[in-house]
Amino acid sequence: MYAKCGDLAGTRKVFDRMLIRNEISWLAILAGYGMHGVFGEVFELFDRMVEAGERPDVVTFTMVLTACSHGGLTDKRREQGGTGGGGRGVGFGDDSETR
């Protein structure tokens, strides 16, 4: 809710104080920063999410790729997951291939 209203500082404060984070909390903060054009934070948090043991799914990759697209960051898009996770041991799965 904080992110949707543009209060990214409040968003981050709540997120950082969370004792337990799940895929929904990670996705919410990624979406908030992406929505407001703070792309560097999207990538930093994506890396932290993977380091924390969360396995990004198609929705998460779509969020990161959307942030890349909106920011004109095509090189970053390739690095983050344009080819199934950019070497992070994560991938889109067979059903996400588009031809």
PDB file of N, CA and C in Angstrom:
ATOM      1  N   MET A   1       0.812  -1.194   0.000  1.00  0.00           N
ATOM      2  CA  MET A   1       0.000   0.000   0.000  1.00  0.00           C
ATOM      3  C   MET A   1       0.856   1.259   0.000  1.00  0.00           C
ATOM      4  N   TYR A   2       1.933   1.231   0.777  1.00  0.00           N
ATOM      5  CA  TYR A   2       2.817   2.392   0.811  1.00  0.00           C
ATOM      6  C   TYR A   2       3.394   2.672  -0.573  1.00  0.00           C
ATOM      7  N   ALA A   3       3.842   1.623  -1.249  1.00  0.00           N
ATOM      8  CA  ALA A   3       4.462   1.797  -2.568  1.00  0.00           C
ATOM      9  C   ALA A   3       3.465   2.323  -3.576  1.00  0.00           C
ATOM     10  N   LYS A   4       2.269   1.824  -3.536  1.00  0.00           N
ATOM     11  CA  LYS A   4       1.244   2.262  -4.478  1.00  0.00           C
ATOM     12  C   LYS A   4       0.970   3.757  -4.343  1.00  0.00           C
ATOM     13  N   CYS A   5       1.113   4.268  -3.142  1.00  0.00           N
ATOM     14  CA  CYS A   5       0.891   5.693  -2.882  1.00  0.00           C
ATOM     15  C   CYS A   5       2.160   6.521  -3.089  1.00  0.00           C
ATOM     16  N   GLY A   6       3.264   5.871  -3.449  1.00  0.00           N
ATOM     17  CA  GLY A   6       4.503   6.587  -3.712  1.00  0.00           C
ATOM     18  C   GLY A   6       5.424   6.738  -2.520  1.00  0.00           C
ATOM     19  N   ASP A   7       5.068   6.151  -1.393  1.00  0.00           N
ATOM     20  CA  ASP A   7       5.904   6.252  -0.192  1.00  0.00           C
ATOM     21  C   ASP A   7       6.905   5.099  -0.172  1.00  0.00           C
ATOM     22  N   LEU A   8       7.951   5.221  -0.983  1.00  0.00           N
ATOM     23  CA  LEU A   8       8.930   4.146  -1.077  1.00  0.00           C
ATOM     24  C   LEU A   8       9.762   4.007   0.184  1.00  0.00           C
ATOM     25  N   ALA A   9       9.999   5.107   0.875  1.00  0.00           N
ATOM     26  CA  ALA A   9      10.734   5.032   2.148  1.00  0.00           C
ATOM     27  C   ALA A   9       9.931   4.223   3.172  1.00  0.00           C
ATOM     28  N   GLY A  10       8.627   4.478   3.236  1.00  0.00           N
ATOM     29  CA  GLY A  10       7.766   3.710   4.133  1.00  0.00           C
ATOM     30  C   GLY A  10       7.692   2.252   3.733  1.00  0.00           C
ATOM     31  N   THR A  11       7.647   2.017   2.439  1.00  0.00           N
ATOM     32  CA  THR A  11       7.619   0.651   1.922  1.00  0.00           C
ATOM     33  C   THR A  11       8.859  -0.105   2.368  1.00  0.00           C
ATOM     34  N   ARG A  12      10.004   0.521   2.160  1.00  0.00           N
ATOM     35  CA  ARG A  12      11.264  -0.137   2.491  1.00  0.00           C
ATOM     36  C   ARG A  12      11.394  -0.354   3.992  1.00  0.00           C
ATOM     37  N   LYS A  13      10.902   0.593   4.771  1.00  0.00           N
ATOM     38  CA  LYS A  13      10.955   0.477   6.228  1.00  0.00           C
ATOM     39  C   LYS A  13      10.164  -0.752   6.693  1.00  0.00           C
ATOM     40  N   VAL A  14       8.967  -0.911   6.161  1.00  0.00           N
ATOM     41  CA  VAL A  14       8.140  -2.069   6.525  1.00  0.00           C
ATOM     42  C   VAL A  14       8.807  -3.360   6.063  1.00  0.00           C
ATOM     43  N   PHE A  15       9.296  -3.362   4.829  1.00  0.00           N
ATOM     44  CA  PHE A  15       9.931  -4.553   4.273  1.00  0.00           C
ATOM     45  C   PHE A  15      11.165  -4.959   5.085  1.00  0.00           C
ATOM     46  N   ASP A  16      12.008  -3.993   5.393  1.00  0.00           N
ATOM     47  CA  ASP A  16      13.228  -4.298   6.138  1.00  0.00           C
ATOM     48  C   ASP A  16      12.951  -4.806   7.548  1.00  0.00           C
ATOM     49  N   ARG A  17      11.823  -4.438   8.113  1.00  0.00           N
ATOM     50  CA  ARG A  17      11.473  -4.885   9.468  1.00  0.00           C
ATOM     51  C   ARG A  17      10.762  -6.241   9.492  1.00  0.00           C
ATOM     52  N   MET A  18      10.418  -6.761   8.327  1.00  0.00           N
ATOM     53  CA  MET A  18       9.728  -8.055   8.271  1.00  0.00           C
ATOM     54  C   MET A  18      10.668  -9.160   8.737  1.00  0.00           C
ATOM     55  N   LEU A  19      10.193  -9.974   9.655  1.00  0.00           N
ATOM     56  CA  LEU A  19      10.995 -11.096  10.134  1.00  0.00           C
ATOM     57  C   LEU A  19      10.996 -12.237   9.134  1.00  0.00           C
ATOM     58  N   ILE A  20       9.874 -12.427   8.480  1.00  0.00           N
ATOM     59  CA  ILE A  20       9.739 -13.497   7.489  1.00  0.00           C
ATOM     60  C   ILE A  20       9.236 -12.876   6.196  1.00  0.00           C
ATOM     61  N   ARG A  21       9.962 -13.142   5.121  1.00  0.00           N
ATOM     62  CA  ARG A  21       9.558 -12.663   3.804  1.00  0.00           C
ATOM     63  C   ARG A  21       9.223 -13.868   2.936  1.00  0.00           C
ATOM     64  N   ASN A  22       8.197 -13.707   2.115  1.00  0.00           N
ATOM     65  CA  ASN A  22       7.846 -14.763   1.178  1.00  0.00           C
ATOM     66  C   ASN A  22       7.817 -14.180  -0.233  1.00  0.00           C
ATOM     67  N   GLU A  23       7.439 -14.999  -1.201  1.00  0.00           N
ATOM     68  CA  GLU A  23       7.444 -14.540  -2.591  1.00  0.00           C
ATOM     69  C   GLU A  23       6.520 -13.338  -2.807  1.00  0.00           C
ATOM     70  N   ILE A  24       5.466 -13.236  -2.028  1.00  0.00           N
ATOM     71  CA  ILE A  24       4.530 -12.116  -2.185  1.00  0.00           C
ATOM     72  C   ILE A  24       5.154 -10.824  -1.672  1.00  0.00           C
ATOM     73  N   SER A  25       5.819 -10.868  -0.542  1.00  0.00           N
ATOM     74  CA  SER A  25       6.449  -9.651  -0.024  1.00  0.00           C
ATOM     75  C   SER A  25       7.582  -9.194  -0.935  1.00  0.00           C
ATOM     76  N   TRP A  26       8.370 -10.133  -1.465  1.00  0.00           N
ATOM     77  CA  TRP A  26       9.431  -9.762  -2.403  1.00  0.00           C
ATOM     78  C   TRP A  26       8.845  -9.145  -3.668  1.00  0.00           C
ATOM     79  N   LEU A  27       7.820  -9.785  -4.207  1.00  0.00           N
ATOM     80  CA  LEU A  27       7.208  -9.282  -5.443  1.00  0.00           C
ATOM     81  C   LEU A  27       6.592  -7.902  -5.232  1.00  0.00           C
ATOM     82  N   ALA A  28       5.990  -7.684  -4.078  1.00  0.00           N
ATOM     83  CA  ALA A  28       5.361  -6.394  -3.793  1.00  0.00           C
ATOM     84  C   ALA A  28       6.392  -5.263  -3.774  1.00  0.00           C
ATOM     85  N   ILE A  29       7.538  -5.506  -3.155  1.00  0.00           N
ATOM     86  CA  ILE A  29       8.534  -4.433  -3.110  1.00  0.00           C
ATOM     87  C   ILE A  29       9.192  -4.240  -4.463  1.00  0.00           C
ATOM     88  N   LEU A  30       9.424  -5.320  -5.197  1.00  0.00           N
ATOM     89  CA  LEU A  30       9.960  -5.187  -6.553  1.00  0.00           C
ATOM     90  C   LEU A  30       9.001  -4.382  -7.429  1.00  0.00           C
ATOM     91  N   ALA A  31       7.725  -4.692  -7.322  1.00  0.00           N
ATOM     92  CA  ALA A  31       6.721  -3.979  -8.117  1.00  0.00           C
ATOM     93  C   ALA A  31       6.653  -2.509  -7.741  1.00  0.00           C
ATOM     94  N   GLY A  32       6.742  -2.218  -6.457  1.00  0.00           N
ATOM     95  CA  GLY A  32       6.680  -0.834  -5.999  1.00  0.00           C
ATOM     96  C   GLY A  32       7.810   0.007  -6.555  1.00  0.00           C
ATOM     97  N   TYR A  33       9.024  -0.511  -6.454  1.00  0.00           N
ATOM     98  CA  TYR A  33      10.163   0.238  -6.989  1.00  0.00           C
ATOM     99  C   TYR A  33      10.079   0.335  -8.508  1.00  0.00           C
ATOM    100  N   GLY A  34       9.683  -0.738  -9.161  1.00  0.00           N
ATOM    101  CA  GLY A  34       9.553  -0.707 -10.615  1.00  0.00           C
ATOM    102  C   GLY A  34       8.505   0.283 -11.075  1.00  0.00           C
ATOM    103  N   MET A  35       7.382   0.331 -10.372  1.00  0.00           N
ATOM    104  CA  MET A  35       6.282   1.226 -10.712  1.00  0.00           C
ATOM    105  C   MET A  35       6.708   2.690 -10.654  1.00  0.00           C
ATOM    106  N   HIS A  36       7.639   2.992  -9.767  1.00  0.00           N
ATOM    107  CA  HIS A  36       8.056   4.375  -9.578  1.00  0.00           C
ATOM    108  C   HIS A  36       9.419   4.680 -10.205  1.00  0.00           C
ATOM    109  N   GLY A  37       9.905   3.758 -11.039  1.00  0.00           N
ATOM    110  CA  GLY A  37      11.108   4.016 -11.814  1.00  0.00           C
ATOM    111  C   GLY A  37      12.425   3.944 -11.072  1.00  0.00           C
ATOM    112  N   VAL A  38      12.437   3.262  -9.933  1.00  0.00           N
ATOM    113  CA  VAL A  38      13.675   3.130  -9.166  1.00  0.00           C
ATOM    114  C   VAL A  38      14.282   1.764  -9.509  1.00  0.00           C
ATOM    115  N   PHE A  39      14.819   1.697 -10.725  1.00  0.00           N
ATOM    116  CA  PHE A  39      15.223   0.417 -11.291  1.00  0.00           C
ATOM    117  C   PHE A  39      16.417  -0.211 -10.590  1.00  0.00           C
ATOM    118  N   GLY A  40      17.343   0.615 -10.116  1.00  0.00           N
ATOM    119  CA  GLY A  40      18.499   0.077  -9.402  1.00  0.00           C
ATOM    120  C   GLY A  40      18.088  -0.740  -8.190  1.00  0.00           C
ATOM    121  N   GLU A  41      17.073  -0.277  -7.485  1.00  0.00           N
ATOM    122  CA  GLU A  41      16.574  -1.009  -6.309  1.00  0.00           C
ATOM    123  C   GLU A  41      15.911  -2.320  -6.724  1.00  0.00           C
ATOM    124  N   VAL A  42      15.245  -2.317  -7.874  1.00  0.00           N
ATOM    125  CA  VAL A  42      14.617  -3.556  -8.357  1.00  0.00           C
ATOM    126  C   VAL A  42      15.693  -4.623  -8.517  1.00  0.00           C
ATOM    127  N   PHE A  43      16.808  -4.254  -9.165  1.00  0.00           N
ATOM    128  CA  PHE A  43      17.858  -5.236  -9.417  1.00  0.00           C
ATOM    129  C   PHE A  43      18.570  -5.651  -8.133  1.00  0.00           C
ATOM    130  N   GLU A  44      18.810  -4.698  -7.259  1.00  0.00           N
ATOM    131  CA  GLU A  44      19.455  -5.016  -5.980  1.00  0.00           C
ATOM    132  C   GLU A  44      18.584  -5.969  -5.162  1.00  0.00           C
ATOM    133  N   LEU A  45      17.300  -5.676  -5.096  1.00  0.00           N
ATOM    134  CA  LEU A  45      16.387  -6.522  -4.320  1.00  0.00           C
ATOM    135  C   LEU A  45      16.192  -7.886  -4.976  1.00  0.00           C
ATOM    136  N   PHE A  46      16.188  -7.926  -6.292  1.00  0.00           N
ATOM    137  CA  PHE A  46      16.087  -9.216  -6.984  1.00  0.00           C
ATOM    138  C   PHE A  46      17.281 -10.093  -6.590  1.00  0.00           C
ATOM    139  N   ASP A  47      18.479  -9.522  -6.612  1.00  0.00           N
ATOM    140  CA  ASP A  47      19.665 -10.280  -6.219  1.00  0.00           C
ATOM    141  C   ASP A  47      19.581 -10.730  -4.761  1.00  0.00           C
ATOM    142  N   ARG A  48      19.119  -9.851  -3.884  1.00  0.00           N
ATOM    143  CA  ARG A  48      18.954 -10.211  -2.466  1.00  0.00           C
ATOM    144  C   ARG A  48      17.942 -11.332  -2.298  1.00  0.00           C
ATOM    145  N   MET A  49      16.870 -11.288  -3.093  1.00  0.00           N
ATOM    146  CA  MET A  49      15.836 -12.309  -3.022  1.00  0.00           C
ATOM    147  C   MET A  49      16.424 -13.674  -3.378  1.00  0.00           C
ATOM    148  N   VAL A  50      17.192 -13.726  -4.449  1.00  0.00           N
ATOM    149  CA  VAL A  50      17.815 -14.983  -4.864  1.00  0.00           C
ATOM    150  C   VAL A  50      18.809 -15.453  -3.800  1.00  0.00           C
ATOM    151  N   GLU A  51      19.607 -14.531  -3.255  1.00  0.00           N
ATOM    152  CA  GLU A  51      20.566 -14.870  -2.203  1.00  0.00           C
ATOM    153  C   GLU A  51      19.871 -15.401  -0.949  1.00  0.00           C
ATOM    154  N   ALA A  52      18.655 -14.917  -0.698  1.00  0.00           N
ATOM    155  CA  ALA A  52      17.889 -15.356   0.478  1.00  0.00           C
ATOM    156  C   ALA A  52      17.246 -16.719   0.273  1.00  0.00           C
ATOM    157  N   GLY A  53      17.406 -17.272  -0.933  1.00  0.00           N
ATOM    158  CA  GLY A  53      16.885 -18.605  -1.182  1.00  0.00           C
ATOM    159  C   GLY A  53      15.532 -18.660  -1.856  1.00  0.00           C
ATOM    160  N   GLU A  54      14.962 -17.515  -2.175  1.00  0.00           N
ATOM    161  CA  GLU A  54      13.694 -17.504  -2.904  1.00  0.00           C
ATOM    162  C   GLU A  54      13.978 -17.821  -4.362  1.00  0.00           C
ATOM    163  N   ARG A  55      13.182 -18.659  -4.924  1.00  0.00           N
ATOM    164  CA  ARG A  55      13.345 -19.025  -6.331  1.00  0.00           C
ATOM    165  C   ARG A  55      12.345 -18.215  -7.154  1.00  0.00           C
ATOM    166  N   PRO A  56      12.846 -17.267  -7.950  1.00  0.00           N
ATOM    167  CA  PRO A  56      11.941 -16.434  -8.751  1.00  0.00           C
ATOM    168  C   PRO A  56      11.118 -17.290  -9.717  1.00  0.00           C
ATOM    169  N   ASP A  57       9.880 -16.898  -9.896  1.00  0.00           N
ATOM    170  CA  ASP A  57       9.016 -17.602 -10.838  1.00  0.00           C
ATOM    171  C   ASP A  57       8.764 -16.703 -12.048  1.00  0.00           C
ATOM    172  N   VAL A  58       7.886 -17.127 -12.909  1.00  0.00           N
ATOM    173  CA  VAL A  58       7.586 -16.376 -14.130  1.00  0.00           C
ATOM    174  C   VAL A  58       7.060 -14.978 -13.800  1.00  0.00           C
ATOM    175  N   VAL A  59       6.261 -14.853 -12.758  1.00  0.00           N
ATOM    176  CA  VAL A  59       5.713 -13.546 -12.379  1.00  0.00           C
ATOM    177  C   VAL A  59       6.844 -12.613 -11.940  1.00  0.00           C
ATOM    178  N   THR A  60       7.781 -13.134 -11.171  1.00  0.00           N
ATOM    179  CA  THR A  60       8.898 -12.320 -10.708  1.00  0.00           C
ATOM    180  C   THR A  60       9.756 -11.864 -11.882  1.00  0.00           C
ATOM    181  N   PHE A  61      10.061 -12.792 -12.786  1.00  0.00           N
ATOM    182  CA  PHE A  61      10.859 -12.422 -13.949  1.00  0.00           C
ATOM    183  C   PHE A  61      10.124 -11.402 -14.817  1.00  0.00           C
ATOM    184  N   THR A  62       8.830 -11.553 -14.949  1.00  0.00           N
ATOM    185  CA  THR A  62       8.048 -10.591 -15.726  1.00  0.00           C
ATOM    186  C   THR A  62       8.160  -9.204 -15.104  1.00  0.00           C
ATOM    187  N   MET A  63       8.122  -9.147 -13.783  1.00  0.00           N
ATOM    188  CA  MET A  63       8.246  -7.873 -13.068  1.00  0.00           C
ATOM    189  C   MET A  63       9.599  -7.231 -13.348  1.00  0.00           C
ATOM    190  N   VAL A  64      10.671  -8.019 -13.248  1.00  0.00           N
ATOM    191  CA  VAL A  64      12.011  -7.492 -13.477  1.00  0.00           C
ATOM    192  C   VAL A  64      12.181  -7.077 -14.938  1.00  0.00           C
ATOM    193  N   LEU A  65      11.680  -7.887 -15.849  1.00  0.00           N
ATOM    194  CA  LEU A  65      11.788  -7.549 -17.274  1.00  0.00           C
ATOM    195  C   LEU A  65      10.985  -6.303 -17.612  1.00  0.00           C
ATOM    196  N   THR A  66       9.846  -6.125 -16.967  1.00  0.00           N
ATOM    197  CA  THR A  66       9.050  -4.912 -17.169  1.00  0.00           C
ATOM    198  C   THR A  66       9.808  -3.690 -16.679  1.00  0.00           C
ATOM    199  N   ALA A  67      10.465  -3.810 -15.533  1.00  0.00           N
ATOM    200  CA  ALA A  67      11.275  -2.701 -15.026  1.00  0.00           C
ATOM    201  C   ALA A  67      12.388  -2.371 -16.011  1.00  0.00           C
ATOM    202  N   CYS A  68      13.025  -3.403 -16.558  1.00  0.00           N
ATOM    203  CA  CYS A  68      14.083  -3.173 -17.553  1.00  0.00           C
ATOM    204  C   CYS A  68      13.534  -2.455 -18.771  1.00  0.00           C
ATOM    205  N   SER A  69      12.395  -2.893 -19.217  1.00  0.00           N
ATOM    206  CA  SER A  69      11.776  -2.305 -20.410  1.00  0.00           C
ATOM    207  C   SER A  69      11.430  -0.841 -20.186  1.00  0.00           C
ATOM    208  N   HIS A  70      10.822  -0.548 -19.063  1.00  0.00           N
ATOM    209  CA  HIS A  70      10.430   0.826 -18.754  1.00  0.00           C
ATOM    210  C   HIS A  70      11.643   1.742 -18.576  1.00  0.00           C
ATOM    211  N   GLY A  71      12.740   1.169 -18.121  1.00  0.00           N
ATOM    212  CA  GLY A  71      13.938   1.966 -17.901  1.00  0.00           C
ATOM    213  C   GLY A  71      14.884   1.986 -19.085  1.00  0.00           C
ATOM    214  N   GLY A  72      14.503   1.297 -20.179  1.00  0.00           N
ATOM    215  CA  GLY A  72      15.367   1.241 -21.347  1.00  0.00           C
ATOM    216  C   GLY A  72      16.657   0.481 -21.084  1.00  0.00           C
ATOM    217  N   LEU A  73      16.590  -0.487 -20.215  1.00  0.00           N
ATOM    218  CA  LEU A  73      17.785  -1.210 -19.780  1.00  0.00           C
ATOM    219  C   LEU A  73      17.853  -2.588 -20.429  1.00  0.00           C
ATOM    220  N   THR A  74      17.981  -2.636 -21.735  1.00  0.00           N
ATOM    221  CA  THR A  74      17.937  -3.919 -22.429  1.00  0.00           C
ATOM    222  C   THR A  74      19.123  -4.809 -22.074  1.00  0.00           C
ATOM    223  N   ASP A  75      20.303  -4.238 -21.841  1.00  0.00           N
ATOM    224  CA  ASP A  75      21.442  -5.067 -21.442  1.00  0.00           C
ATOM    225  C   ASP A  75      21.199  -5.689 -20.079  1.00  0.00           C
ATOM    226  N   LYS A  76      20.631  -4.922 -19.168  1.00  0.00           N
ATOM    227  CA  LYS A  76      20.325  -5.431 -17.833  1.00  0.00           C
ATOM    228  C   LYS A  76      19.261  -6.527 -17.924  1.00  0.00           C
ATOM    229  N   ARG A  77      18.314  -6.365 -18.850  1.00  0.00           N
ATOM    230  CA  ARG A  77      17.265  -7.362 -19.018  1.00  0.00           C
ATOM    231  C   ARG A  77      17.886  -8.700 -19.395  1.00  0.00           C
ATOM    232  N   ARG A  78      18.833  -8.691 -20.303  1.00  0.00           N
ATOM    233  CA  ARG A  78      19.491  -9.940 -20.696  1.00  0.00           C
ATOM    234  C   ARG A  78      20.236 -10.548 -19.513  1.00  0.00           C
ATOM    235  N   GLU A  79      20.896  -9.705 -18.737  1.00  0.00           N
ATOM    236  CA  GLU A  79      21.659 -10.177 -17.585  1.00  0.00           C
ATOM    237  C   GLU A  79      20.745 -10.772 -16.522  1.00  0.00           C
ATOM    238  N   GLN A  80      19.594 -10.147 -16.277  1.00  0.00           N
ATOM    239  CA  GLN A  80      18.707 -10.564 -15.184  1.00  0.00           C
ATOM    240  C   GLN A  80      17.890 -11.803 -15.508  1.00  0.00           C
ATOM    241  N   GLY A  81      17.646 -12.073 -16.766  1.00  0.00           N
ATOM    242  CA  GLY A  81      16.825 -13.253 -16.994  1.00  0.00           C
ATOM    243  C   GLY A  81      16.352 -13.413 -18.402  1.00  0.00           C
ATOM    244  N   GLY A  82      16.866 -12.662 -19.317  1.00  0.00           N
ATOM    245  CA  GLY A  82      16.434 -12.766 -20.700  1.00  0.00           C
ATOM    246  C   GLY A  82      16.649 -14.144 -21.273  1.00  0.00           C
ATOM    247  N   THR A  83      17.561 -14.914 -20.677  1.00  0.00           N
ATOM    248  CA  THR A  83      17.790 -16.276 -21.136  1.00  0.00           C
ATOM    249  C   THR A  83      17.613 -17.248 -19.979  1.00  0.00           C
ATOM    250  N   GLY A  84      16.580 -17.059 -19.217  1.00  0.00           N
ATOM    251  CA  GLY A  84      16.232 -18.019 -18.175  1.00  0.00           C
ATOM    252  C   GLY A  84      16.954 -17.852 -16.864  1.00  0.00           C
ATOM    253  N   GLY A  85      17.319 -16.655 -16.467  1.00  0.00           N
ATOM    254  CA  GLY A  85      17.846 -16.450 -15.137  1.00  0.00           C
ATOM    255  C   GLY A  85      19.250 -15.931 -15.070  1.00  0.00           C
ATOM    256  N   GLY A  86      19.874 -15.755 -16.217  1.00  0.00           N
ATOM    257  CA  GLY A  86      21.193 -15.147 -16.232  1.00  0.00           C
ATOM    258  C   GLY A  86      22.228 -15.869 -15.392  1.00  0.00           C
ATOM    259  N   GLY A  87      22.179 -17.225 -15.394  1.00  0.00           N
ATOM    260  CA  GLY A  87      23.186 -17.978 -14.662  1.00  0.00           C
ATOM    261  C   GLY A  87      22.943 -18.050 -13.174  1.00  0.00           C
ATOM    262  N   ARG A  88      21.777 -17.685 -12.705  1.00  0.00           N
ATOM    263  CA  ARG A  88      21.494 -17.700 -11.272  1.00  0.00           C
ATOM    264  C   ARG A  88      20.918 -19.028 -10.808  1.00  0.00           C
ATOM    265  N   GLY A  89      20.868 -20.015 -11.706  1.00  0.00           N
ATOM    266  CA  GLY A  89      20.308 -21.293 -11.320  1.00  0.00           C
ATOM    267  C   GLY A  89      18.805 -21.281 -11.244  1.00  0.00           C
ATOM    268  N   VAL A  90      18.196 -20.283 -11.874  1.00  0.00           N
ATOM    269  CA  VAL A  90      16.757 -20.191 -11.903  1.00  0.00           C
ATOM    270  C   VAL A  90      16.344 -20.024 -13.352  1.00  0.00           C
ATOM    271  N   GLY A  91      15.137 -20.435 -13.658  1.00  0.00           N
ATOM    272  CA  GLY A  91      14.691 -20.321 -15.034  1.00  0.00           C
ATOM    273  C   GLY A  91      13.198 -20.160 -15.120  1.00  0.00           C
ATOM    274  N   PHE A  92      12.780 -19.923 -16.343  1.00  0.00           N
ATOM    275  CA  PHE A  92      11.360 -19.690 -16.579  1.00  0.00           C
ATOM    276  C   PHE A  92      10.544 -20.974 -16.627  1.00  0.00           C
ATOM    277  N   GLY A  93      11.140 -22.052 -17.014  1.00  0.00           N
ATOM    278  CA  GLY A  93      10.378 -23.292 -17.185  1.00  0.00           C
ATOM    279  C   GLY A  93       9.930 -23.397 -18.633  1.00  0.00           C
ATOM    280  N   ASP A  94       9.504 -24.580 -19.012  1.00  0.00           N
ATOM    281  CA  ASP A  94       9.156 -24.864 -20.397  1.00  0.00           C
ATOM    282  C   ASP A  94       7.979 -24.075 -20.912  1.00  0.00           C
ATOM    283  N   ASP A  95       7.023 -23.736 -20.055  1.00  0.00           N
ATOM    284  CA  ASP A  95       5.799 -23.097 -20.512  1.00  0.00           C
ATOM    285  C   ASP A  95       5.927 -21.609 -20.777  1.00  0.00           C
ATOM    286  N   SER A  96       7.099 -21.027 -20.532  1.00  0.00           N
ATOM    287  CA  SER A  96       7.217 -19.576 -20.716  1.00  0.00           C
ATOM    288  C   SER A  96       7.900 -19.193 -22.021  1.00  0.00           C
ATOM    289  N   GLU A  97       8.313 -20.160 -22.794  1.00  0.00           N
ATOM    290  CA  GLU A  97       8.984 -19.855 -24.054  1.00  0.00           C
ATOM    291  C   GLU A  97       7.984 -19.242 -25.018  1.00  0.00           C
ATOM    292  N   THR A  98       8.400 -18.150 -25.635  1.00  0.00           N
ATOM    293  CA  THR A  98       7.567 -17.543 -26.659  1.00  0.00           C
ATOM    294  C   THR A  98       8.313 -17.617 -27.971  1.00  0.00           C
ATOM    295  N   ARG A  99       7.606 -17.880 -29.010  1.00  0.00           N
ATOM    296  CA  ARG A  99       8.229 -18.019 -30.320  1.00  0.00           C
ATOM    297  C   ARG A  99       7.519 -17.146 -31.323  1.00  0.00           C
TER     298      ARG A  99
END
